[in-house]
């Protein structure tokens, strides 16, 4: 199950941080490291600070975008330490570990970490089902990247060790790629109905993303929604054929 946990680092700027994160992962039995648009290369400093976890570095994957890195993941959790304008479903580290272990028995799970100096962007956080916040000392909450990876990797391992049997999920959740397809279909439908302006989907789509991520639609439910959108679009096409004035 631990092989199904994917630690994703976005825009990392210091090679030593990549090595330290690999070390933190390996001590907790994790080996699936993914780099998204890194601003540095894995080099000798990375290997030195990995302290024996060079195999994790050697086998890392690299993607240009977060969308590519999580396309086959059924659960995506973003590490966030900054207050946001929009609330998002939140987990504490222990809840994150439990959820990762349960759902990691079924499909790949991604834990996403942002840049050293600015973390994850709002757009990147919107692609996560949940956010996780490490409740550090509010008077000194200075956690570096490797510390954050270590803390969350530890919670995943503890939850894994506490589980006595593989948990079978009754629900089947869609992968991130399928969920993005549904969001795109939803936006197209809202544009067709003129509910939103194509050039400015703005806050409407953000709030709808938040709603669906909170609801966690199952595969069957997602397909039902896609069917609803298709039905609306077909009805609009039919109505406009009968009354061309509706095109205006």
Protein backbone atom coordinates (compact mmCIF):
# COMPACT_ATOMS: atom_id res chain seq x y z
CA UNK A 1 0.00 0.00 0.00
CA UNK A 2 2.87 2.40 0.80
CA UNK A 3 4.02 2.09 -2.81
CA UNK A 4 0.73 3.73 -3.78
CA UNK A 5 1.56 6.90 -1.83
CA UNK A 6 3.07 9.55 -4.08
CA UNK A 7 5.01 12.45 -2.53
CA UNK A 8 4.87 15.35 -5.00
CA UNK A 9 7.20 18.35 -4.71
CA UNK A 10 6.33 21.36 -6.88
CA UNK A 11 8.86 23.95 -8.03
CA UNK A 12 11.59 22.92 -5.59
CA UNK A 13 14.48 25.39 -5.85
CA UNK A 14 17.19 23.78 -3.68
CA UNK A 15 18.66 20.35 -4.61
CA UNK A 16 19.45 19.66 -0.95
CA UNK A 17 15.76 19.87 -0.09
CA UNK A 18 14.98 17.15 -2.61
CA UNK A 19 17.60 14.89 -1.01
CA UNK A 20 16.35 15.63 2.51
CA UNK A 21 12.75 14.92 1.45
CA UNK A 22 13.86 11.58 -0.04
CA UNK A 23 15.54 10.69 3.26
CA UNK A 24 12.38 11.60 5.18
CA UNK A 25 10.32 9.41 2.87
CA UNK A 26 12.57 6.35 3.03
CA UNK A 27 12.71 6.35 6.84
CA UNK A 28 8.92 5.92 6.77
CA UNK A 29 8.86 3.30 4.02
CA UNK A 30 7.79 5.59 1.17
CA UNK A 31 9.63 5.49 -2.14
CA UNK A 32 7.44 7.18 -4.76
CA UNK A 33 8.92 10.67 -5.26
CA UNK A 34 7.58 12.98 -7.96
CA UNK A 35 9.02 16.35 -8.98
CA UNK A 36 6.82 18.86 -10.79
CA UNK A 37 8.57 21.66 -12.70
CA UNK A 38 11.61 21.68 -10.37
CA UNK A 39 13.81 24.77 -10.49
CA UNK A 40 16.94 22.73 -9.82
CA UNK A 41 18.43 19.36 -10.69
CA UNK A 42 19.04 16.32 -8.54
CA UNK A 43 22.77 16.56 -7.97
CA UNK A 44 25.56 15.59 -5.61
CA UNK A 45 24.13 17.73 -2.82
CA UNK A 46 20.80 15.93 -3.19
CA UNK A 47 22.51 12.56 -2.92
CA UNK A 48 24.60 13.64 0.08
CA UNK A 49 21.58 14.92 2.02
CA UNK A 50 19.52 11.86 1.13
CA UNK A 51 21.84 9.93 3.51
CA UNK A 52 21.38 6.55 1.86
CA UNK A 53 18.08 7.21 0.11
CA UNK A 54 19.72 7.63 -3.29
CA UNK A 55 17.48 4.87 -4.66
CA UNK A 56 14.45 7.09 -4.02
CA UNK A 57 16.17 9.90 -5.93
CA UNK A 58 17.23 7.62 -8.76
CA UNK A 59 13.70 6.34 -9.31
CA UNK A 60 11.92 9.68 -9.04
CA UNK A 61 9.46 10.76 -11.73
CA UNK A 62 9.27 14.22 -13.28
CA UNK A 63 6.31 16.07 -14.77
CA UNK A 64 5.81 19.52 -16.22
CA UNK A 65 2.45 20.11 -14.50
CA UNK A 66 0.56 18.98 -11.42
CA UNK A 67 -2.30 17.80 -13.64
CA UNK A 68 -0.01 15.23 -15.28
CA UNK A 69 1.43 14.12 -11.94
CA UNK A 70 -1.98 13.37 -10.38
CA UNK A 71 -3.93 12.21 -13.45
CA UNK A 72 -4.19 8.59 -12.19
CA UNK A 73 -4.66 9.45 -8.50
CA UNK A 74 -7.94 8.84 -6.73
CA UNK A 75 -7.09 11.02 -3.73
CA UNK A 76 -5.04 14.24 -3.77
CA UNK A 77 -4.15 16.09 -0.55
CA UNK A 78 -2.33 19.42 -0.57
CA UNK A 79 -0.14 20.61 2.29
CA UNK A 80 -1.12 24.18 3.11
CA UNK A 81 0.12 26.51 5.84
CA UNK A 82 -1.37 29.79 4.61
CA UNK A 83 -4.90 31.13 5.20
CA UNK A 84 -7.00 31.16 2.03
CA UNK A 85 -9.91 33.27 0.80
CA UNK A 86 -12.04 30.16 0.27
CA UNK A 87 -12.32 27.44 2.90
CA UNK A 88 -11.56 23.92 1.67
CA UNK A 89 -12.14 20.53 3.28
CA UNK A 90 -9.35 20.29 5.86
CA UNK A 91 -7.62 17.33 7.52
CA UNK A 92 -5.19 17.24 10.39
CA UNK A 93 -2.08 15.06 9.85
CA UNK A 94 -3.58 12.05 11.63
CA UNK A 95 -6.77 12.17 9.57
CA UNK A 96 -4.65 12.55 6.45
CA UNK A 97 -2.64 9.44 7.34
CA UNK A 98 -5.75 7.35 7.94
CA UNK A 99 -7.41 8.47 4.71
CA UNK A 100 -4.24 7.90 2.69
CA UNK A 101 -3.89 4.34 3.99
CA UNK A 102 -7.54 3.42 3.45
CA UNK A 103 -7.77 4.82 -0.06
CA UNK A 104 -4.20 3.89 -0.97
CA UNK A 105 -5.29 0.25 -0.90
CA UNK A 106 -7.41 1.00 -3.95
CA UNK A 107 -5.52 3.51 -6.11
CA UNK A 108 -2.59 5.98 -6.08
CA UNK A 109 -2.74 8.73 -3.45
CA UNK A 110 -0.84 12.01 -3.83
CA UNK A 111 0.45 14.23 -1.03
CA UNK A 112 1.42 17.55 -2.62
CA UNK A 113 3.98 20.02 -1.26
CA UNK A 114 4.62 23.48 -2.69
CA UNK A 115 7.58 25.77 -3.17
CA UNK A 116 9.95 26.50 -0.28
CA UNK A 117 9.14 30.20 -0.17
CA UNK A 118 5.50 30.38 -1.26
CA UNK A 119 3.91 26.95 -0.98
CA UNK A 120 1.10 25.92 -3.32
CA UNK A 121 -0.84 28.35 -5.48
CA UNK A 122 -4.61 28.62 -5.11
CA UNK A 123 -5.02 26.95 -8.50
CA UNK A 124 -2.90 23.99 -7.37
CA UNK A 125 -4.82 23.73 -4.09
CA UNK A 126 -8.10 23.71 -6.05
CA UNK A 127 -6.95 20.47 -7.69
CA UNK A 128 -6.74 18.77 -4.28
CA UNK A 129 -9.65 16.95 -2.64
CA UNK A 130 -8.43 17.99 0.81
CA UNK A 131 -5.87 20.26 2.44
CA UNK A 132 -3.74 19.16 5.37
CA UNK A 133 -2.38 21.58 7.96
CA UNK A 134 0.38 20.74 10.46
CA UNK A 135 -0.58 22.43 13.77
CA UNK A 136 2.90 23.65 14.68
CA UNK A 137 3.66 26.14 17.46
CA UNK A 138 1.90 29.35 16.33
CA UNK A 139 4.70 31.39 17.90
CA UNK A 140 7.31 29.57 15.79
CA UNK A 141 5.77 27.53 12.98
CA UNK A 142 8.91 27.46 10.81
CA UNK A 143 8.77 24.03 9.19
CA UNK A 144 11.07 23.48 6.22
CA UNK A 145 10.10 21.24 3.29
CA UNK A 146 11.82 18.10 4.59
CA UNK A 147 10.27 18.54 8.04
CA UNK A 148 6.80 18.76 6.53
CA UNK A 149 7.44 15.66 4.39
CA UNK A 150 8.77 13.82 7.44
CA UNK A 151 5.76 14.72 9.61
CA UNK A 152 3.14 13.65 7.09
CA UNK A 153 5.09 10.53 6.05
CA UNK A 154 5.24 9.53 9.72
CA UNK A 155 1.46 9.81 10.09
CA UNK A 156 0.97 7.66 6.99
CA UNK A 157 3.30 5.00 8.36
CA UNK A 158 1.68 4.99 11.79
CA UNK A 159 -1.74 4.56 10.25
CA UNK A 160 -0.38 1.79 8.01
CA UNK A 161 1.10 -0.08 10.97
CA UNK A 162 -2.15 0.29 12.92
CA UNK A 163 -4.21 -1.28 10.20
CA UNK A 164 -4.64 -5.03 10.78
CA UNK A 165 -6.23 -5.86 7.47
CA UNK A 166 -6.61 -4.39 4.05
CA UNK A 167 -9.69 -2.18 3.95
CA UNK A 168 -11.88 -2.73 0.94
CA UNK A 169 -13.78 0.33 -0.20
CA UNK A 170 -17.39 -0.14 -1.18
CA UNK A 171 -17.27 3.13 -3.07
CA UNK A 172 -15.25 3.61 -6.25
CA UNK A 173 -14.00 7.15 -6.65
CA UNK A 174 -12.98 8.70 -9.97
CA UNK A 175 -9.36 9.47 -10.75
CA UNK A 176 -8.20 13.08 -10.88
CA UNK A 177 -8.17 13.00 -14.69
CA UNK A 178 -11.82 11.92 -14.78
CA UNK A 179 -12.78 14.59 -12.23
CA UNK A 180 -11.08 17.28 -14.34
CA UNK A 181 -13.06 16.03 -17.35
CA UNK A 182 -16.27 16.50 -15.38
CA UNK A 183 -15.28 20.04 -14.34
CA UNK A 184 -14.51 20.93 -17.97
CA UNK A 185 -17.86 19.49 -19.07
CA UNK A 186 -19.64 21.45 -16.33
CA UNK A 187 -17.99 24.69 -17.42
CA UNK A 188 -18.89 24.07 -21.08
CA UNK A 189 -22.52 23.46 -20.08
CA UNK A 190 -22.69 26.62 -17.98
CA UNK A 191 -21.21 28.59 -20.87
CA UNK A 192 -23.75 27.06 -23.28
CA UNK A 193 -26.61 28.10 -20.97
CA UNK A 194 -25.00 31.55 -20.59
CA UNK A 195 -24.90 31.11 -16.82
CA UNK A 196 -21.25 32.15 -16.93
CA UNK A 197 -19.29 34.23 -19.43
CA UNK A 198 -16.68 32.04 -21.23
CA UNK A 199 -13.92 34.62 -20.79
CA UNK A 200 -14.58 35.05 -17.06
CA UNK A 201 -15.68 31.80 -15.32
CA UNK A 202 -14.22 33.33 -12.16
CA UNK A 203 -15.57 32.59 -8.70
CA UNK A 204 -18.48 30.48 -9.93
CA UNK A 205 -16.26 27.63 -11.12
CA UNK A 206 -14.07 27.92 -8.02
CA UNK A 207 -17.09 27.53 -5.73
CA UNK A 208 -18.44 24.63 -7.82
CA UNK A 209 -15.04 22.90 -7.67
CA UNK A 210 -15.10 23.33 -3.91
CA UNK A 211 -18.63 21.89 -3.72
CA UNK A 212 -17.83 18.78 -5.78
CA UNK A 213 -14.49 18.17 -4.02
CA UNK A 214 -16.27 18.34 -0.66
CA UNK A 215 -18.99 15.96 -1.88
CA UNK A 216 -16.44 13.45 -3.35
CA UNK A 217 -18.74 12.05 -6.07
CA UNK A 218 -18.31 8.35 -6.75
CA UNK A 219 -17.65 7.04 -10.26
CA UNK A 220 -21.33 6.22 -10.84
CA UNK A 221 -22.39 9.66 -9.60
CA UNK A 222 -19.80 11.40 -11.76
CA UNK A 223 -21.08 9.57 -14.84
CA UNK A 224 -24.62 10.57 -13.90
CA UNK A 225 -23.59 14.23 -13.76
CA UNK A 226 -21.87 13.95 -17.14
CA UNK A 227 -25.11 12.52 -18.48
CA UNK A 228 -27.05 15.47 -17.04
CA UNK A 229 -24.67 17.95 -18.70
CA UNK A 230 -24.92 16.14 -22.05
CA UNK A 231 -28.72 16.13 -21.83
CA UNK A 232 -28.78 19.89 -21.20
CA UNK A 233 -26.45 20.53 -24.12
CA UNK A 234 -28.54 18.36 -26.48
CA UNK A 235 -31.72 20.17 -25.39
CA UNK A 236 -30.08 23.54 -26.09
CA UNK A 237 -28.98 22.44 -29.55
CA UNK A 238 -32.50 21.17 -30.32
CA UNK A 239 -34.16 24.36 -29.03
CA UNK A 240 -31.86 26.58 -31.09
CA UNK A 241 -32.58 24.60 -34.25
CA UNK A 242 -36.31 25.14 -33.72
CA UNK A 243 -35.86 28.80 -32.82
CA UNK A 244 -32.71 30.32 -34.40
CA UNK A 245 -33.32 33.59 -32.52
CA UNK A 246 -32.05 31.89 -29.35
CA UNK A 247 -28.56 31.95 -30.83
CA UNK A 248 -28.42 35.69 -30.35
